[in-house]
Amino acid sequence: MQLRFPTMPGAANVVSLEVAQRNYAEFGAAERRYRDQGRQPLSGEQQEQAWRRLDPGRDNPESPRSGIAYGDSYPEQDYTVLYYWRPTYWRRLVS
């Protein structure tokens, strides 16, 4: 849910992915209540080189609408198309 609707709070997390990323940059956790519970990356855990924070103005995130069965409407079986930082992002606007 967070990747498909990154500006929507709720679902599995209290805050949206957009807010969680901003919080992490500010104080090191998705929510202030978790700031002392984080860990450093393990050996071998790497961030994709192209990864960046969500930019709603650039990334064209989807907003949920009532009446749509979203569980049945994901773009493909390959959920990596929801990775907004990749060129294969399914909602990439053609310029």
PDB file of N, CA and C in Angstrom:
ATOM      1  N   MET A   1       0.816  -1.196   0.000  1.00  0.00           N
ATOM      2  CA  MET A   1       0.000   0.000   0.000  1.00  0.00           C
ATOM      3  C   MET A   1       0.857   1.256   0.000  1.00  0.00           C
ATOM      4  N   GLN A   2       1.921   1.262   0.788  1.00  0.00           N
ATOM      5  CA  GLN A   2       2.710   2.482   0.910  1.00  0.00           C
ATOM      6  C   GLN A   2       3.388   2.864  -0.412  1.00  0.00           C
ATOM      7  N   LEU A   3       3.836   1.895  -1.182  1.00  0.00           N
ATOM      8  CA  LEU A   3       4.448   2.238  -2.465  1.00  0.00           C
ATOM      9  C   LEU A   3       3.408   2.673  -3.483  1.00  0.00           C
ATOM     10  N   ARG A   4       2.257   2.040  -3.488  1.00  0.00           N
ATOM     11  CA  ARG A   4       1.227   2.400  -4.466  1.00  0.00           C
ATOM     12  C   ARG A   4       0.597   3.743  -4.126  1.00  0.00           C
ATOM     13  N   PHE A   5       0.374   4.000  -2.840  1.00  0.00           N
ATOM     14  CA  PHE A   5      -0.259   5.241  -2.392  1.00  0.00           C
ATOM     15  C   PHE A   5       0.664   5.924  -1.370  1.00  0.00           C
ATOM     16  N   PRO A   6       1.801   6.453  -1.805  1.00  0.00           N
ATOM     17  CA  PRO A   6       2.818   6.934  -0.865  1.00  0.00           C
ATOM     18  C   PRO A   6       2.453   8.193  -0.090  1.00  0.00           C
ATOM     19  N   THR A   7       1.401   8.886  -0.475  1.00  0.00           N
ATOM     20  CA  THR A   7       1.003  10.086   0.269  1.00  0.00           C
ATOM     21  C   THR A   7      -0.153   9.805   1.219  1.00  0.00           C
ATOM     22  N   MET A   8      -0.626   8.549   1.266  1.00  0.00           N
ATOM     23  CA  MET A   8      -1.775   8.184   2.093  1.00  0.00           C
ATOM     24  C   MET A   8      -1.308   7.622   3.435  1.00  0.00           C
ATOM     25  N   PRO A   9      -1.731   8.239   4.539  1.00  0.00           N
ATOM     26  CA  PRO A   9      -1.407   7.655   5.842  1.00  0.00           C
ATOM     27  C   PRO A   9      -2.306   6.459   6.121  1.00  0.00           C
ATOM     28  N   GLY A  10      -1.922   5.698   7.116  1.00  0.00           N
ATOM     29  CA  GLY A  10      -2.735   4.554   7.509  1.00  0.00           C
ATOM     30  C   GLY A  10      -2.225   3.272   6.915  1.00  0.00           C
ATOM     31  N   ALA A  11      -3.130   2.333   6.679  1.00  0.00           N
ATOM     32  CA  ALA A  11      -2.782   0.993   6.201  1.00  0.00           C
ATOM     33  C   ALA A  11      -1.830   0.347   7.217  1.00  0.00           C
ATOM     34  N   ALA A  12      -0.727  -0.192   6.770  1.00  0.00           N
ATOM     35  CA  ALA A  12       0.196  -0.882   7.670  1.00  0.00           C
ATOM     36  C   ALA A  12       0.957   0.087   8.578  1.00  0.00           C
ATOM     37  N   ASN A  13       1.046   1.330   8.182  1.00  0.00           N
ATOM     38  CA  ASN A  13       1.796   2.332   8.954  1.00  0.00           C
ATOM     39  C   ASN A  13       0.881   3.489   9.330  1.00  0.00           C
ATOM     40  N   VAL A  14       1.231   4.194  10.381  1.00  0.00           N
ATOM     41  CA  VAL A  14       0.424   5.339  10.812  1.00  0.00           C
ATOM     42  C   VAL A  14       0.628   6.515   9.874  1.00  0.00           C
ATOM     43  N   VAL A  15       1.874   6.774   9.518  1.00  0.00           N
ATOM     44  CA  VAL A  15       2.174   7.906   8.640  1.00  0.00           C
ATOM     45  C   VAL A  15       2.344   7.417   7.206  1.00  0.00           C
ATOM     46  N   SER A  16       2.236   8.327   6.273  1.00  0.00           N
ATOM     47  CA  SER A  16       2.438   7.982   4.861  1.00  0.00           C
ATOM     48  C   SER A  16       3.926   7.741   4.600  1.00  0.00           C
ATOM     49  N   LEU A  17       4.218   7.109   3.484  1.00  0.00           N
ATOM     50  CA  LEU A  17       5.611   6.897   3.088  1.00  0.00           C
ATOM     51  C   LEU A  17       6.311   8.245   2.910  1.00  0.00           C
ATOM     52  N   GLU A  18       5.620   9.194   2.314  1.00  0.00           N
ATOM     53  CA  GLU A  18       6.195  10.521   2.115  1.00  0.00           C
ATOM     54  C   GLU A  18       6.605  11.152   3.453  1.00  0.00           C
ATOM     55  N   VAL A  19       5.728  11.107   4.435  1.00  0.00           N
ATOM     56  CA  VAL A  19       6.025  11.675   5.753  1.00  0.00           C
ATOM     57  C   VAL A  19       7.099  10.857   6.460  1.00  0.00           C
ATOM     58  N   ALA A  20       7.039   9.535   6.352  1.00  0.00           N
ATOM     59  CA  ALA A  20       8.048   8.682   6.986  1.00  0.00           C
ATOM     60  C   ALA A  20       9.442   8.990   6.448  1.00  0.00           C
ATOM     61  N   GLN A  21       9.557   9.203   5.162  1.00  0.00           N
ATOM     62  CA  GLN A  21      10.862   9.530   4.582  1.00  0.00           C
ATOM     63  C   GLN A  21      11.361  10.882   5.093  1.00  0.00           C
ATOM     64  N   ARG A  22      10.482  11.843   5.167  1.00  0.00           N
ATOM     65  CA  ARG A  22      10.852  13.160   5.678  1.00  0.00           C
ATOM     66  C   ARG A  22      11.270  13.051   7.153  1.00  0.00           C
ATOM     67  N   ASN A  23      10.507  12.285   7.943  1.00  0.00           N
ATOM     68  CA  ASN A  23      10.849  12.081   9.353  1.00  0.00           C
ATOM     69  C   ASN A  23      12.201  11.405   9.505  1.00  0.00           C
ATOM     70  N   TYR A  24      12.459  10.389   8.679  1.00  0.00           N
ATOM     71  CA  TYR A  24      13.725   9.674   8.771  1.00  0.00           C
ATOM     72  C   TYR A  24      14.896  10.629   8.510  1.00  0.00           C
ATOM     73  N   ALA A  25      14.734  11.487   7.515  1.00  0.00           N
ATOM     74  CA  ALA A  25      15.790  12.456   7.220  1.00  0.00           C
ATOM     75  C   ALA A  25      15.988  13.429   8.380  1.00  0.00           C
ATOM     76  N   GLU A  26      14.904  13.755   9.083  1.00  0.00           N
ATOM     77  CA  GLU A  26      14.980  14.718  10.178  1.00  0.00           C
ATOM     78  C   GLU A  26      15.487  14.115  11.484  1.00  0.00           C
ATOM     79  N   PHE A  27      14.956  12.934  11.884  1.00  0.00           N
ATOM     80  CA  PHE A  27      15.337  12.398  13.185  1.00  0.00           C
ATOM     81  C   PHE A  27      15.612  10.900  13.206  1.00  0.00           C
ATOM     82  N   GLY A  28      15.727  10.258  12.047  1.00  0.00           N
ATOM     83  CA  GLY A  28      16.215   8.891  11.984  1.00  0.00           C
ATOM     84  C   GLY A  28      15.201   7.782  12.162  1.00  0.00           C
ATOM     85  N   ALA A  29      13.909   8.092  12.081  1.00  0.00           N
ATOM     86  CA  ALA A  29      12.870   7.067  12.201  1.00  0.00           C
ATOM     87  C   ALA A  29      11.614   7.544  11.483  1.00  0.00           C
ATOM     88  N   ALA A  30      10.766   6.591  11.109  1.00  0.00           N
ATOM     89  CA  ALA A  30       9.525   6.927  10.408  1.00  0.00           C
ATOM     90  C   ALA A  30       8.584   7.745  11.286  1.00  0.00           C
ATOM     91  N   GLU A  31       8.612   7.438  12.578  1.00  0.00           N
ATOM     92  CA  GLU A  31       7.808   8.169  13.549  1.00  0.00           C
ATOM     93  C   GLU A  31       8.674   8.484  14.756  1.00  0.00           C
ATOM     94  N   ARG A  32       8.409   9.614  15.389  1.00  0.00           N
ATOM     95  CA  ARG A  32       9.200  10.042  16.537  1.00  0.00           C
ATOM     96  C   ARG A  32       9.240   8.979  17.636  1.00  0.00           C
ATOM     97  N   ARG A  33       8.145   8.267  17.828  1.00  0.00           N
ATOM     98  CA  ARG A  33       8.093   7.253  18.891  1.00  0.00           C
ATOM     99  C   ARG A  33       9.058   6.085  18.646  1.00  0.00           C
ATOM    100  N   TYR A  34       9.552   5.926  17.437  1.00  0.00           N
ATOM    101  CA  TYR A  34      10.482   4.834  17.109  1.00  0.00           C
ATOM    102  C   TYR A  34      11.927   5.292  16.962  1.00  0.00           C
ATOM    103  N   ARG A  35      12.207   6.520  17.262  1.00  0.00           N
ATOM    104  CA  ARG A  35      13.550   7.048  16.968  1.00  0.00           C
ATOM    105  C   ARG A  35      14.674   6.328  17.706  1.00  0.00           C
ATOM    106  N   ASP A  36      14.390   5.673  18.828  1.00  0.00           N
ATOM    107  CA  ASP A  36      15.428   4.946  19.561  1.00  0.00           C
ATOM    108  C   ASP A  36      15.439   3.450  19.249  1.00  0.00           C
ATOM    109  N   GLN A  37      14.642   3.009  18.291  1.00  0.00           N
ATOM    110  CA  GLN A  37      14.522   1.587  18.014  1.00  0.00           C
ATOM    111  C   GLN A  37      15.115   1.170  16.665  1.00  0.00           C
ATOM    112  N   GLY A  38      15.763   2.075  15.976  1.00  0.00           N
ATOM    113  CA  GLY A  38      16.329   1.759  14.672  1.00  0.00           C
ATOM    114  C   GLY A  38      17.638   0.998  14.787  1.00  0.00           C
ATOM    115  N   ARG A  39      18.157   0.607  13.663  1.00  0.00           N
ATOM    116  CA  ARG A  39      19.438  -0.089  13.614  1.00  0.00           C
ATOM    117  C   ARG A  39      20.210   0.379  12.392  1.00  0.00           C
ATOM    118  N   GLN A  40      21.476   0.182  12.414  1.00  0.00           N
ATOM    119  CA  GLN A  40      22.309   0.464  11.259  1.00  0.00           C
ATOM    120  C   GLN A  40      22.111  -0.650  10.231  1.00  0.00           C
ATOM    121  N   PRO A  41      22.333  -0.365   8.948  1.00  0.00           N
ATOM    122  CA  PRO A  41      22.221  -1.420   7.932  1.00  0.00           C
ATOM    123  C   PRO A  41      23.179  -2.570   8.224  1.00  0.00           C
ATOM    124  N   LEU A  42      22.730  -3.767   7.941  1.00  0.00           N
ATOM    125  CA  LEU A  42      23.572  -4.944   8.094  1.00  0.00           C
ATOM    126  C   LEU A  42      24.552  -5.029   6.941  1.00  0.00           C
ATOM    127  N   SER A  43      25.608  -5.777   7.130  1.00  0.00           N
ATOM    128  CA  SER A  43      26.575  -6.006   6.068  1.00  0.00           C
ATOM    129  C   SER A  43      25.845  -6.617   4.873  1.00  0.00           C
ATOM    130  N   GLY A  44      26.026  -6.065   3.725  1.00  0.00           N
ATOM    131  CA  GLY A  44      25.368  -6.586   2.527  1.00  0.00           C
ATOM    132  C   GLY A  44      24.065  -5.886   2.184  1.00  0.00           C
ATOM    133  N   GLU A  45      23.487  -5.160   3.127  1.00  0.00           N
ATOM    134  CA  GLU A  45      22.280  -4.385   2.819  1.00  0.00           C
ATOM    135  C   GLU A  45      22.711  -3.095   2.136  1.00  0.00           C
ATOM    136  N   GLN A  46      22.263  -2.933   0.930  1.00  0.00           N
ATOM    137  CA  GLN A  46      22.662  -1.750   0.177  1.00  0.00           C
ATOM    138  C   GLN A  46      21.427  -1.042  -0.354  1.00  0.00           C
ATOM    139  N   GLN A  47      21.520   0.247  -0.404  1.00  0.00           N
ATOM    140  CA  GLN A  47      20.468   1.063  -0.993  1.00  0.00           C
ATOM    141  C   GLN A  47      20.728   1.151  -2.491  1.00  0.00           C
ATOM    142  N   GLU A  48      19.676   1.041  -3.284  1.00  0.00           N
ATOM    143  CA  GLU A  48      19.866   1.181  -4.724  1.00  0.00           C
ATOM    144  C   GLU A  48      20.484   2.539  -5.017  1.00  0.00           C
ATOM    145  N   GLN A  49      21.417   2.545  -5.934  1.00  0.00           N
ATOM    146  CA  GLN A  49      22.138   3.780  -6.242  1.00  0.00           C
ATOM    147  C   GLN A  49      21.187   4.890  -6.691  1.00  0.00           C
ATOM    148  N   ALA A  50      20.148   4.569  -7.422  1.00  0.00           N
ATOM    149  CA  ALA A  50      19.228   5.583  -7.943  1.00  0.00           C
ATOM    150  C   ALA A  50      18.136   5.989  -6.944  1.00  0.00           C
ATOM    151  N   TRP A  51      18.069   5.306  -5.781  1.00  0.00           N
ATOM    152  CA  TRP A  51      17.010   5.613  -4.829  1.00  0.00           C
ATOM    153  C   TRP A  51      17.097   7.056  -4.374  1.00  0.00           C
ATOM    154  N   ARG A  52      15.928   7.639  -4.182  1.00  0.00           N
ATOM    155  CA  ARG A  52      15.805   8.995  -3.657  1.00  0.00           C
ATOM    156  C   ARG A  52      14.479   9.086  -2.941  1.00  0.00           C
ATOM    157  N   ARG A  53      14.304  10.127  -2.180  1.00  0.00           N
ATOM    158  CA  ARG A  53      13.025  10.338  -1.512  1.00  0.00           C
ATOM    159  C   ARG A  53      11.942  10.635  -2.534  1.00  0.00           C
ATOM    160  N   LEU A  54      10.740  10.287  -2.176  1.00  0.00           N
ATOM    161  CA  LEU A  54       9.584  10.569  -3.014  1.00  0.00           C
ATOM    162  C   LEU A  54       9.438  12.071  -3.227  1.00  0.00           C
ATOM    163  N   ASP A  55       9.130  12.453  -4.443  1.00  0.00           N
ATOM    164  CA  ASP A  55       8.834  13.844  -4.785  1.00  0.00           C
ATOM    165  C   ASP A  55       7.483  13.836  -5.496  1.00  0.00           C
ATOM    166  N   PRO A  56       6.382  14.134  -4.781  1.00  0.00           N
ATOM    167  CA  PRO A  56       5.056  14.064  -5.405  1.00  0.00           C
ATOM    168  C   PRO A  56       4.920  14.905  -6.672  1.00  0.00           C
ATOM    169  N   GLY A  57       5.625  16.003  -6.754  1.00  0.00           N
ATOM    170  CA  GLY A  57       5.565  16.830  -7.956  1.00  0.00           C
ATOM    171  C   GLY A  57       6.225  16.187  -9.157  1.00  0.00           C
ATOM    172  N   ARG A  58       7.178  15.335  -8.909  1.00  0.00           N
ATOM    173  CA  ARG A  58       7.915  14.663  -9.983  1.00  0.00           C
ATOM    174  C   ARG A  58       7.392  13.258 -10.262  1.00  0.00           C
ATOM    175  N   ASP A  59       6.918  12.580  -9.208  1.00  0.00           N
ATOM    176  CA  ASP A  59       6.668  11.147  -9.307  1.00  0.00           C
ATOM    177  C   ASP A  59       5.238  10.738  -9.614  1.00  0.00           C
ATOM    178  N   ASN A  60       4.313  11.667  -9.659  1.00  0.00           N
ATOM    179  CA  ASN A  60       2.939  11.349 -10.052  1.00  0.00           C
ATOM    180  C   ASN A  60       2.354  10.197  -9.229  1.00  0.00           C
ATOM    181  N   PRO A  61       2.387  10.305  -7.889  1.00  0.00           N
ATOM    182  CA  PRO A  61       1.850   9.199  -7.086  1.00  0.00           C
ATOM    183  C   PRO A  61       0.342   9.066  -7.250  1.00  0.00           C
ATOM    184  N   GLU A  62      -0.125   7.853  -7.141  1.00  0.00           N
ATOM    185  CA  GLU A  62      -1.557   7.572  -7.256  1.00  0.00           C
ATOM    186  C   GLU A  62      -2.254   7.898  -5.936  1.00  0.00           C
ATOM    187  N   SER A  63      -3.465   8.420  -6.025  1.00  0.00           N
ATOM    188  CA  SER A  63      -4.306   8.643  -4.853  1.00  0.00           C
ATOM    189  C   SER A  63      -5.466   7.669  -4.918  1.00  0.00           C
ATOM    190  N   PRO A  64      -5.814   7.049  -3.793  1.00  0.00           N
ATOM    191  CA  PRO A  64      -6.920   6.083  -3.814  1.00  0.00           C
ATOM    192  C   PRO A  64      -8.259   6.774  -4.052  1.00  0.00           C
ATOM    193  N   ARG A  65      -9.145   6.059  -4.714  1.00  0.00           N
ATOM    194  CA  ARG A  65     -10.507   6.541  -4.958  1.00  0.00           C
ATOM    195  C   ARG A  65     -11.465   5.476  -4.469  1.00  0.00           C
ATOM    196  N   SER A  66     -12.583   5.910  -3.955  1.00  0.00           N
ATOM    197  CA  SER A  66     -13.562   4.943  -3.445  1.00  0.00           C
ATOM    198  C   SER A  66     -14.174   4.153  -4.600  1.00  0.00           C
ATOM    199  N   GLY A  67     -14.575   2.929  -4.280  1.00  0.00           N
ATOM    200  CA  GLY A  67     -15.246   2.086  -5.257  1.00  0.00           C
ATOM    201  C   GLY A  67     -14.339   1.241  -6.123  1.00  0.00           C
ATOM    202  N   ILE A  68     -13.044   1.309  -5.900  1.00  0.00           N
ATOM    203  CA  ILE A  68     -12.102   0.526  -6.710  1.00  0.00           C
ATOM    204  C   ILE A  68     -11.513  -0.581  -5.837  1.00  0.00           C
ATOM    205  N   ALA A  69     -11.527  -1.801  -6.346  1.00  0.00           N
ATOM    206  CA  ALA A  69     -10.942  -2.947  -5.626  1.00  0.00           C
ATOM    207  C   ALA A  69      -9.440  -2.960  -5.910  1.00  0.00           C
ATOM    208  N   TYR A  70      -8.712  -2.194  -5.139  1.00  0.00           N
ATOM    209  CA  TYR A  70      -7.287  -2.041  -5.401  1.00  0.00           C
ATOM    210  C   TYR A  70      -6.491  -3.329  -5.264  1.00  0.00           C
ATOM    211  N   GLY A  71      -6.938  -4.233  -4.430  1.00  0.00           N
ATOM    212  CA  GLY A  71      -6.231  -5.504  -4.291  1.00  0.00           C
ATOM    213  C   GLY A  71      -6.155  -6.268  -5.598  1.00  0.00           C
ATOM    214  N   ASP A  72      -7.114  -6.042  -6.486  1.00  0.00           N
ATOM    215  CA  ASP A  72      -7.155  -6.726  -7.777  1.00  0.00           C
ATOM    216  C   ASP A  72      -6.648  -5.859  -8.923  1.00  0.00           C
ATOM    217  N   SER A  73      -6.153  -4.671  -8.614  1.00  0.00           N
ATOM    218  CA  SER A  73      -5.840  -3.739  -9.700  1.00  0.00           C
ATOM    219  C   SER A  73      -4.385  -3.291  -9.734  1.00  0.00           C
ATOM    220  N   TYR A  74      -3.488  -4.082  -9.151  1.00  0.00           N
ATOM    221  CA  TYR A  74      -2.080  -3.691  -9.219  1.00  0.00           C
ATOM    222  C   TYR A  74      -1.603  -3.809 -10.661  1.00  0.00           C
ATOM    223  N   PRO A  75      -0.645  -2.979 -11.045  1.00  0.00           N
ATOM    224  CA  PRO A  75      -0.269  -2.888 -12.459  1.00  0.00           C
ATOM    225  C   PRO A  75       0.262  -4.162 -13.087  1.00  0.00           C
ATOM    226  N   GLU A  76       1.003  -4.954 -12.354  1.00  0.00           N
ATOM    227  CA  GLU A  76       1.609  -6.173 -12.889  1.00  0.00           C
ATOM    228  C   GLU A  76       1.939  -7.099 -11.729  1.00  0.00           C
ATOM    229  N   GLN A  77       2.370  -8.290 -12.018  1.00  0.00           N
ATOM    230  CA  GLN A  77       2.838  -9.189 -10.963  1.00  0.00           C
ATOM    231  C   GLN A  77       4.180  -8.734 -10.399  1.00  0.00           C
ATOM    232  N   ASP A  78       4.920  -7.987 -11.174  1.00  0.00           N
ATOM    233  CA  ASP A  78       6.220  -7.484 -10.735  1.00  0.00           C
ATOM    234  C   ASP A  78       6.015  -6.159 -10.008  1.00  0.00           C
ATOM    235  N   TYR A  79       6.000  -6.212  -8.678  1.00  0.00           N
ATOM    236  CA  TYR A  79       5.724  -5.003  -7.900  1.00  0.00           C
ATOM    237  C   TYR A  79       6.846  -3.984  -7.946  1.00  0.00           C
ATOM    238  N   THR A  80       7.973  -4.313  -8.543  1.00  0.00           N
ATOM    239  CA  THR A  80       9.041  -3.320  -8.645  1.00  0.00           C
ATOM    240  C   THR A  80       8.646  -2.184  -9.581  1.00  0.00           C
ATOM    241  N   VAL A  81       7.578  -2.332 -10.353  1.00  0.00           N
ATOM    242  CA  VAL A  81       7.108  -1.214 -11.178  1.00  0.00           C
ATOM    243  C   VAL A  81       6.518  -0.104 -10.310  1.00  0.00           C
ATOM    244  N   LEU A  82       6.317  -0.386  -9.018  1.00  0.00           N
ATOM    245  CA  LEU A  82       5.844   0.639  -8.077  1.00  0.00           C
ATOM    246  C   LEU A  82       6.998   1.463  -7.499  1.00  0.00           C
ATOM    247  N   TYR A  83       8.247   1.113  -7.812  1.00  0.00           N
ATOM    248  CA  TYR A  83       9.413   1.838  -7.304  1.00  0.00           C
ATOM    249  C   TYR A  83       9.561   3.132  -8.092  1.00  0.00           C
ATOM    250  N   TYR A  84       9.110   4.228  -7.515  1.00  0.00           N
ATOM    251  CA  TYR A  84       9.037   5.518  -8.202  1.00  0.00           C
ATOM    252  C   TYR A  84      10.401   6.033  -8.663  1.00  0.00           C
ATOM    253  N   TRP A  85      11.496   5.577  -8.075  1.00  0.00           N
ATOM    254  CA  TRP A  85      12.824   6.067  -8.434  1.00  0.00           C
ATOM    255  C   TRP A  85      13.402   5.347  -9.652  1.00  0.00           C
ATOM    256  N   ARG A  86      12.764   4.272 -10.084  1.00  0.00           N
ATOM    257  CA  ARG A  86      13.278   3.525 -11.230  1.00  0.00           C
ATOM    258  C   ARG A  86      12.644   4.006 -12.538  1.00  0.00           C
ATOM    259  N   PRO A  87      13.353   3.863 -13.641  1.00  0.00           N
ATOM    260  CA  PRO A  87      12.784   4.260 -14.938  1.00  0.00           C
ATOM    261  C   PRO A  87      11.588   3.397 -15.346  1.00  0.00           C
ATOM    262  N   THR A  88      11.404   2.255 -14.702  1.00  0.00           N
ATOM    263  CA  THR A  88      10.292   1.357 -15.028  1.00  0.00           C
ATOM    264  C   THR A  88       9.030   1.662 -14.209  1.00  0.00           C
ATOM    265  N   TYR A  89       9.044   2.754 -13.444  1.00  0.00           N
ATOM    266  CA  TYR A  89       7.882   3.130 -12.628  1.00  0.00           C
ATOM    267  C   TYR A  89       6.641   3.216 -13.506  1.00  0.00           C
ATOM    268  N   TRP A  90       5.576   2.571 -13.084  1.00  0.00           N
ATOM    269  CA  TRP A  90       4.383   2.422 -13.909  1.00  0.00           C
ATOM    270  C   TRP A  90       3.606   3.715 -14.118  1.00  0.00           C
ATOM    271  N   ARG A  91       3.821   4.724 -13.290  1.00  0.00           N
ATOM    272  CA  ARG A  91       3.092   5.984 -13.467  1.00  0.00           C
ATOM    273  C   ARG A  91       4.010   7.099 -13.959  1.00  0.00           C
ATOM    274  N   ARG A  92       5.134   6.722 -14.546  1.00  0.00           N
ATOM    275  CA  ARG A  92       6.068   7.719 -15.067  1.00  0.00           C
ATOM    276  C   ARG A  92       5.364   8.540 -16.129  1.00  0.00           C
ATOM    277  N   LEU A  93       5.468   9.841 -15.987  1.00  0.00           N
ATOM    278  CA  LEU A  93       4.895  10.728 -16.992  1.00  0.00           C
ATOM    279  C   LEU A  93       5.863  10.861 -18.161  1.00  0.00           C
ATOM    280  N   VAL A  94       5.342  10.784 -19.337  1.00  0.00           N
ATOM    281  CA  VAL A  94       6.175  10.956 -20.523  1.00  0.00           C
ATOM    282  C   VAL A  94       6.330  12.447 -20.764  1.00  0.00           C
ATOM    283  N   SER A  95       7.548  12.888 -20.919  1.00  0.00           N
ATOM    284  CA  SER A  95       7.764  14.332 -21.124  1.00  0.00           C
ATOM    285  C   SER A  95       8.129  14.630 -22.551  1.00  0.00           C
TER     286      SER A  95
END
